[in-house]
Amino acid sequence: MLELEHYPIAIANAAHTVNDLEATLNNLKIRIASSENAVNAEVAFDLTLKNELQRTTRRHELLMADDVYPDLTKQVNRLSYEKASALAHLEQLRNEFSVAKLQARQEIAQQLTSLEVRELVGI
């Protein structure tokens, strides 16, 4: 566990990491949506495709043939896992900080109690 005074900075850094991952994920999702929209437009205007199954299959083929789409989806999956881990770490730091504050309060209360007892006894 960290010293009590180091928790706010550690929590802020962990939150910053989560925010950076979220921003990166959003950018990747925008790029994925752009690729999907281009493929959807191509499939929508392909008159050789007769039914939904053919359109779905062609859409999948085009997306997998795209130069960047498979890499983007892998990056999204990897960053989603990293973000989940970063969120768990952030939550752990917040919980540890709460525990450390409670322990500090308990120590202060014990010190005050022992002082009061000494005063009552006359030591």
N, C-alpha and C. Protein backbone atom coordinates (compact mmCIF):
# COMPACT_ATOMS: atom_id res chain seq x y z
N MET A 1 0.84 -1.19 0.00
CA MET A 1 0.00 0.00 0.00
C MET A 1 0.88 1.24 0.00
N LEU A 2 0.34 2.27 -0.57
CA LEU A 2 1.04 3.55 -0.65
C LEU A 2 0.87 4.33 0.65
N GLU A 3 1.69 5.34 0.79
CA GLU A 3 1.48 6.28 1.88
C GLU A 3 0.21 7.07 1.56
N LEU A 4 -0.48 7.50 2.58
CA LEU A 4 -1.76 8.17 2.41
C LEU A 4 -1.67 9.36 1.45
N GLU A 5 -0.62 10.14 1.56
CA GLU A 5 -0.51 11.36 0.74
C GLU A 5 -0.21 11.07 -0.74
N HIS A 6 0.19 9.83 -1.07
CA HIS A 6 0.51 9.49 -2.45
C HIS A 6 -0.70 8.98 -3.25
N TYR A 7 -1.77 8.64 -2.55
CA TYR A 7 -2.94 8.09 -3.23
C TYR A 7 -3.61 9.04 -4.21
N PRO A 8 -3.82 10.32 -3.87
CA PRO A 8 -4.48 11.19 -4.84
C PRO A 8 -3.75 11.26 -6.19
N ILE A 9 -2.43 11.33 -6.17
CA ILE A 9 -1.67 11.39 -7.42
C ILE A 9 -1.79 10.06 -8.17
N ALA A 10 -1.68 8.96 -7.44
CA ALA A 10 -1.79 7.64 -8.08
C ALA A 10 -3.18 7.44 -8.69
N ILE A 11 -4.21 7.89 -7.98
CA ILE A 11 -5.58 7.77 -8.49
C ILE A 11 -5.76 8.64 -9.72
N ALA A 12 -5.22 9.86 -9.68
CA ALA A 12 -5.32 10.75 -10.84
C ALA A 12 -4.60 10.16 -12.05
N ASN A 13 -3.42 9.59 -11.83
CA ASN A 13 -2.67 8.96 -12.93
C ASN A 13 -3.43 7.77 -13.51
N ALA A 14 -4.02 6.97 -12.64
CA ALA A 14 -4.79 5.81 -13.10
C ALA A 14 -6.03 6.26 -13.89
N ALA A 15 -6.68 7.31 -13.42
CA ALA A 15 -7.85 7.84 -14.13
C ALA A 15 -7.43 8.40 -15.49
N HIS A 16 -6.28 9.05 -15.53
CA HIS A 16 -5.76 9.58 -16.79
C HIS A 16 -5.49 8.45 -17.77
N THR A 17 -4.94 7.36 -17.29
CA THR A 17 -4.68 6.20 -18.15
C THR A 17 -5.99 5.65 -18.72
N VAL A 18 -7.01 5.54 -17.90
CA VAL A 18 -8.32 5.06 -18.36
C VAL A 18 -8.87 6.01 -19.42
N ASN A 19 -8.76 7.31 -19.18
CA ASN A 19 -9.27 8.28 -20.15
C ASN A 19 -8.52 8.21 -21.47
N ASP A 20 -7.21 8.04 -21.42
CA ASP A 20 -6.42 7.91 -22.64
C ASP A 20 -6.83 6.67 -23.43
N LEU A 21 -7.02 5.56 -22.73
CA LEU A 21 -7.46 4.33 -23.40
C LEU A 21 -8.84 4.51 -24.02
N GLU A 22 -9.72 5.18 -23.31
CA GLU A 22 -11.08 5.42 -23.82
C GLU A 22 -11.03 6.28 -25.08
N ALA A 23 -10.19 7.32 -25.07
CA ALA A 23 -10.07 8.18 -26.25
C ALA A 23 -9.52 7.40 -27.45
N THR A 24 -8.51 6.57 -27.20
CA THR A 24 -7.94 5.75 -28.27
C THR A 24 -8.98 4.78 -28.81
N LEU A 25 -9.72 4.15 -27.91
CA LEU A 25 -10.79 3.24 -28.33
C LEU A 25 -11.83 3.95 -29.18
N ASN A 26 -12.22 5.14 -28.78
CA ASN A 26 -13.22 5.89 -29.54
C ASN A 26 -12.71 6.20 -30.95
N ASN A 27 -11.44 6.59 -31.05
CA ASN A 27 -10.86 6.88 -32.36
C ASN A 27 -10.84 5.62 -33.24
N LEU A 28 -10.48 4.50 -32.64
CA LEU A 28 -10.47 3.24 -33.40
C LEU A 28 -11.88 2.86 -33.85
N LYS A 29 -12.84 3.05 -32.98
CA LYS A 29 -14.23 2.72 -33.33
C LYS A 29 -14.75 3.60 -34.45
N ILE A 30 -14.32 4.84 -34.48
CA ILE A 30 -14.70 5.73 -35.58
C ILE A 30 -14.11 5.23 -36.89
N ARG A 31 -12.85 4.81 -36.85
CA ARG A 31 -12.21 4.28 -38.06
C ARG A 31 -12.88 2.98 -38.52
N ILE A 32 -13.26 2.13 -37.56
CA ILE A 32 -13.97 0.89 -37.90
C ILE A 32 -15.32 1.22 -38.53
N ALA A 33 -16.04 2.15 -37.95
CA ALA A 33 -17.34 2.53 -38.50
C ALA A 33 -17.20 3.08 -39.92
N SER A 34 -16.14 3.82 -40.17
CA SER A 34 -15.90 4.35 -41.51
C SER A 34 -15.68 3.22 -42.52
N SER A 35 -14.87 2.23 -42.12
CA SER A 35 -14.65 1.08 -43.00
C SER A 35 -15.95 0.31 -43.23
N GLU A 36 -16.71 0.12 -42.17
CA GLU A 36 -17.98 -0.61 -42.30
C GLU A 36 -18.96 0.15 -43.18
N ASN A 37 -19.00 1.47 -43.04
CA ASN A 37 -19.92 2.26 -43.87
C ASN A 37 -19.55 2.18 -45.35
N ALA A 38 -18.26 2.21 -45.64
CA ALA A 38 -17.82 2.09 -47.04
C ALA A 38 -18.22 0.74 -47.61
N VAL A 39 -18.02 -0.31 -46.83
CA VAL A 39 -18.38 -1.65 -47.28
C VAL A 39 -19.89 -1.78 -47.41
N ASN A 40 -20.63 -1.24 -46.47
CA ASN A 40 -22.09 -1.30 -46.54
C ASN A 40 -22.62 -0.60 -47.78
N ALA A 41 -22.02 0.53 -48.12
CA ALA A 41 -22.44 1.26 -49.33
C ALA A 41 -22.16 0.42 -50.57
N GLU A 42 -21.00 -0.21 -50.59
CA GLU A 42 -20.65 -1.04 -51.75
C GLU A 42 -21.62 -2.22 -51.88
N VAL A 43 -21.92 -2.86 -50.78
CA VAL A 43 -22.82 -4.02 -50.79
C VAL A 43 -24.24 -3.59 -51.15
N ALA A 44 -24.66 -2.44 -50.65
CA ALA A 44 -26.03 -1.99 -50.90
C ALA A 44 -26.30 -1.75 -52.38
N PHE A 45 -25.29 -1.32 -53.11
CA PHE A 45 -25.49 -1.00 -54.51
C PHE A 45 -25.01 -2.11 -55.46
N ASP A 46 -24.68 -3.25 -54.90
CA ASP A 46 -24.27 -4.40 -55.73
C ASP A 46 -25.53 -5.17 -56.12
N LEU A 47 -25.94 -5.01 -57.36
CA LEU A 47 -27.19 -5.63 -57.83
C LEU A 47 -27.07 -7.13 -58.07
N THR A 48 -25.84 -7.65 -58.03
CA THR A 48 -25.67 -9.09 -58.23
C THR A 48 -26.02 -9.88 -56.98
N LEU A 49 -26.10 -9.22 -55.85
CA LEU A 49 -26.44 -9.89 -54.59
C LEU A 49 -27.95 -9.97 -54.48
N LYS A 50 -28.48 -11.18 -54.39
CA LYS A 50 -29.93 -11.40 -54.49
C LYS A 50 -30.67 -11.44 -53.15
N ASN A 51 -29.98 -11.82 -52.08
CA ASN A 51 -30.68 -11.92 -50.80
C ASN A 51 -29.76 -11.46 -49.66
N GLU A 52 -30.32 -11.45 -48.47
CA GLU A 52 -29.58 -10.93 -47.31
C GLU A 52 -28.36 -11.80 -46.97
N LEU A 53 -28.48 -13.09 -47.13
CA LEU A 53 -27.35 -13.98 -46.86
C LEU A 53 -26.18 -13.66 -47.77
N GLN A 54 -26.45 -13.42 -49.04
CA GLN A 54 -25.38 -13.06 -49.97
C GLN A 54 -24.77 -11.70 -49.60
N ARG A 55 -25.61 -10.77 -49.21
CA ARG A 55 -25.10 -9.44 -48.82
C ARG A 55 -24.25 -9.53 -47.56
N THR A 56 -24.69 -10.31 -46.59
CA THR A 56 -23.94 -10.48 -45.35
C THR A 56 -22.60 -11.15 -45.61
N THR A 57 -22.62 -12.17 -46.44
CA THR A 57 -21.38 -12.88 -46.78
C THR A 57 -20.42 -11.95 -47.51
N ARG A 58 -20.93 -11.20 -48.47
CA ARG A 58 -20.08 -10.27 -49.23
C ARG A 58 -19.52 -9.19 -48.32
N ARG A 59 -20.35 -8.70 -47.41
CA ARG A 59 -19.90 -7.68 -46.45
C ARG A 59 -18.74 -8.21 -45.63
N HIS A 60 -18.88 -9.43 -45.12
CA HIS A 60 -17.82 -10.04 -44.32
C HIS A 60 -16.55 -10.21 -45.16
N GLU A 61 -16.69 -10.68 -46.40
CA GLU A 61 -15.53 -10.86 -47.27
C GLU A 61 -14.80 -9.54 -47.50
N LEU A 62 -15.57 -8.50 -47.77
CA LEU A 62 -14.95 -7.19 -48.03
C LEU A 62 -14.26 -6.63 -46.79
N LEU A 63 -14.88 -6.81 -45.62
CA LEU A 63 -14.26 -6.32 -44.39
C LEU A 63 -12.96 -7.06 -44.08
N MET A 64 -12.95 -8.37 -44.29
CA MET A 64 -11.74 -9.15 -44.02
C MET A 64 -10.65 -8.86 -45.05
N ALA A 65 -11.05 -8.44 -46.24
CA ALA A 65 -10.07 -8.11 -47.29
C ALA A 65 -9.52 -6.69 -47.12
N ASP A 66 -10.20 -5.89 -46.32
CA ASP A 66 -9.75 -4.52 -46.06
C ASP A 66 -8.36 -4.55 -45.43
N ASP A 67 -7.54 -3.60 -45.80
CA ASP A 67 -6.16 -3.57 -45.30
C ASP A 67 -6.08 -3.31 -43.79
N VAL A 68 -6.99 -2.51 -43.27
CA VAL A 68 -6.87 -2.09 -41.87
C VAL A 68 -7.93 -2.65 -40.94
N TYR A 69 -9.08 -3.05 -41.46
CA TYR A 69 -10.19 -3.47 -40.61
C TYR A 69 -9.83 -4.59 -39.62
N PRO A 70 -9.21 -5.68 -40.06
CA PRO A 70 -8.87 -6.74 -39.09
C PRO A 70 -7.92 -6.25 -37.99
N ASP A 71 -6.95 -5.42 -38.37
CA ASP A 71 -6.03 -4.88 -37.37
C ASP A 71 -6.74 -3.96 -36.38
N LEU A 72 -7.65 -3.16 -36.90
CA LEU A 72 -8.40 -2.26 -36.03
C LEU A 72 -9.23 -3.03 -35.01
N THR A 73 -9.88 -4.09 -35.46
CA THR A 73 -10.70 -4.87 -34.53
C THR A 73 -9.83 -5.55 -33.47
N LYS A 74 -8.65 -6.01 -33.87
CA LYS A 74 -7.73 -6.61 -32.89
C LYS A 74 -7.28 -5.57 -31.88
N GLN A 75 -6.99 -4.36 -32.37
CA GLN A 75 -6.57 -3.29 -31.46
C GLN A 75 -7.69 -2.92 -30.49
N VAL A 76 -8.91 -2.88 -30.99
CA VAL A 76 -10.05 -2.57 -30.12
C VAL A 76 -10.19 -3.63 -29.03
N ASN A 77 -10.07 -4.89 -29.40
CA ASN A 77 -10.17 -5.96 -28.41
C ASN A 77 -9.06 -5.86 -27.38
N ARG A 78 -7.83 -5.62 -27.83
CA ARG A 78 -6.70 -5.51 -26.92
C ARG A 78 -6.86 -4.31 -25.98
N LEU A 79 -7.24 -3.16 -26.56
CA LEU A 79 -7.39 -1.95 -25.73
C LEU A 79 -8.59 -2.06 -24.79
N SER A 80 -9.62 -2.78 -25.20
CA SER A 80 -10.77 -2.98 -24.30
C SER A 80 -10.34 -3.76 -23.07
N TYR A 81 -9.50 -4.76 -23.28
CA TYR A 81 -8.97 -5.53 -22.15
C TYR A 81 -8.08 -4.64 -21.28
N GLU A 82 -7.21 -3.85 -21.91
CA GLU A 82 -6.34 -2.94 -21.15
C GLU A 82 -7.16 -1.93 -20.35
N LYS A 83 -8.23 -1.43 -20.97
CA LYS A 83 -9.08 -0.47 -20.27
C LYS A 83 -9.76 -1.12 -19.06
N ALA A 84 -10.24 -2.35 -19.23
CA ALA A 84 -10.86 -3.06 -18.12
C ALA A 84 -9.86 -3.26 -16.98
N SER A 85 -8.63 -3.60 -17.33
CA SER A 85 -7.59 -3.77 -16.32
C SER A 85 -7.27 -2.43 -15.65
N ALA A 86 -7.21 -1.37 -16.44
CA ALA A 86 -6.92 -0.04 -15.89
C ALA A 86 -8.05 0.41 -14.96
N LEU A 87 -9.29 0.11 -15.33
CA LEU A 87 -10.42 0.45 -14.46
C LEU A 87 -10.36 -0.34 -13.15
N ALA A 88 -9.99 -1.61 -13.23
CA ALA A 88 -9.86 -2.42 -12.02
C ALA A 88 -8.76 -1.86 -11.11
N HIS A 89 -7.65 -1.45 -11.72
CA HIS A 89 -6.55 -0.86 -10.95
C HIS A 89 -6.99 0.45 -10.30
N LEU A 90 -7.72 1.27 -11.04
CA LEU A 90 -8.23 2.54 -10.49
C LEU A 90 -9.15 2.27 -9.31
N GLU A 91 -10.04 1.32 -9.47
CA GLU A 91 -10.97 1.00 -8.38
C GLU A 91 -10.21 0.46 -7.16
N GLN A 92 -9.17 -0.34 -7.40
CA GLN A 92 -8.36 -0.86 -6.30
C GLN A 92 -7.68 0.28 -5.55
N LEU A 93 -7.12 1.24 -6.29
CA LEU A 93 -6.49 2.39 -5.64
C LEU A 93 -7.49 3.19 -4.82
N ARG A 94 -8.67 3.39 -5.36
CA ARG A 94 -9.70 4.13 -4.62
C ARG A 94 -10.09 3.39 -3.33
N ASN A 95 -10.23 2.08 -3.43
CA ASN A 95 -10.59 1.29 -2.25
C ASN A 95 -9.46 1.30 -1.22
N GLU A 96 -8.22 1.15 -1.68
CA GLU A 96 -7.08 1.20 -0.77
C GLU A 96 -7.00 2.56 -0.07
N PHE A 97 -7.28 3.62 -0.82
CA PHE A 97 -7.26 4.97 -0.24
C PHE A 97 -8.32 5.09 0.85
N SER A 98 -9.50 4.55 0.58
CA SER A 98 -10.57 4.59 1.59
C SER A 98 -10.15 3.82 2.85
N VAL A 99 -9.55 2.67 2.66
CA VAL A 99 -9.09 1.88 3.80
C VAL A 99 -8.00 2.61 4.57
N ALA A 100 -7.06 3.21 3.84
CA ALA A 100 -5.97 3.94 4.49
C ALA A 100 -6.50 5.12 5.29
N LYS A 101 -7.51 5.81 4.76
CA LYS A 101 -8.11 6.93 5.50
C LYS A 101 -8.79 6.43 6.77
N LEU A 102 -9.50 5.30 6.66
CA LEU A 102 -10.16 4.75 7.84
C LEU A 102 -9.14 4.32 8.90
N GLN A 103 -8.05 3.72 8.45
CA GLN A 103 -7.01 3.32 9.39
C GLN A 103 -6.38 4.52 10.07
N ALA A 104 -6.16 5.59 9.31
CA ALA A 104 -5.60 6.81 9.90
C ALA A 104 -6.56 7.41 10.92
N ARG A 105 -7.83 7.41 10.61
CA ARG A 105 -8.84 7.92 11.56
C ARG A 105 -8.88 7.06 12.82
N GLN A 106 -8.76 5.75 12.62
CA GLN A 106 -8.78 4.84 13.77
C GLN A 106 -7.57 5.11 14.67
N GLU A 107 -6.41 5.30 14.08
CA GLU A 107 -5.21 5.60 14.87
C GLU A 107 -5.38 6.90 15.64
N ILE A 108 -5.93 7.91 15.00
CA ILE A 108 -6.16 9.20 15.67
C ILE A 108 -7.14 9.02 16.82
N ALA A 109 -8.21 8.26 16.59
CA ALA A 109 -9.20 8.04 17.64
C ALA A 109 -8.58 7.28 18.82
N GLN A 110 -7.72 6.30 18.52
CA GLN A 110 -7.06 5.55 19.60
C GLN A 110 -6.12 6.45 20.38
N GLN A 111 -5.41 7.33 19.70
CA GLN A 111 -4.50 8.25 20.39
C GLN A 111 -5.29 9.21 21.28
N LEU A 112 -6.41 9.71 20.75
CA LEU A 112 -7.24 10.62 21.55
C LEU A 112 -7.83 9.91 22.75
N THR A 113 -8.24 8.66 22.55
CA THR A 113 -8.81 7.88 23.65
C THR A 113 -7.77 7.64 24.73
N SER A 114 -6.54 7.30 24.33
CA SER A 114 -5.51 7.05 25.33
C SER A 114 -5.14 8.34 26.05
N LEU A 115 -5.17 9.47 25.39
CA LEU A 115 -4.92 10.76 26.04
C LEU A 115 -6.01 11.08 27.06
N GLU A 116 -7.26 10.82 26.69
CA GLU A 116 -8.37 11.08 27.60
C GLU A 116 -8.27 10.20 28.83
N VAL A 117 -7.89 8.93 28.63
CA VAL A 117 -7.75 8.01 29.76
C VAL A 117 -6.63 8.51 30.68
N ARG A 118 -5.53 8.94 30.11
CA ARG A 118 -4.43 9.46 30.93
C ARG A 118 -4.85 10.68 31.72
N GLU A 119 -5.61 11.56 31.09
CA GLU A 119 -6.07 12.76 31.78
C GLU A 119 -7.02 12.41 32.92
N LEU A 120 -7.87 11.40 32.70
CA LEU A 120 -8.79 11.00 33.74
C LEU A 120 -8.05 10.36 34.91
N VAL A 121 -7.04 9.58 34.61
CA VAL A 121 -6.30 8.91 35.66
C VAL A 121 -5.35 9.87 36.35
N GLY A 122 -4.97 10.89 35.62
CA GLY A 122 -4.07 11.89 36.20
C GLY A 122 -2.61 11.65 35.89
N ILE A 123 -2.34 10.95 34.84
CA ILE A 123 -0.94 10.66 34.50
C ILE A 123 -0.34 11.82 33.75
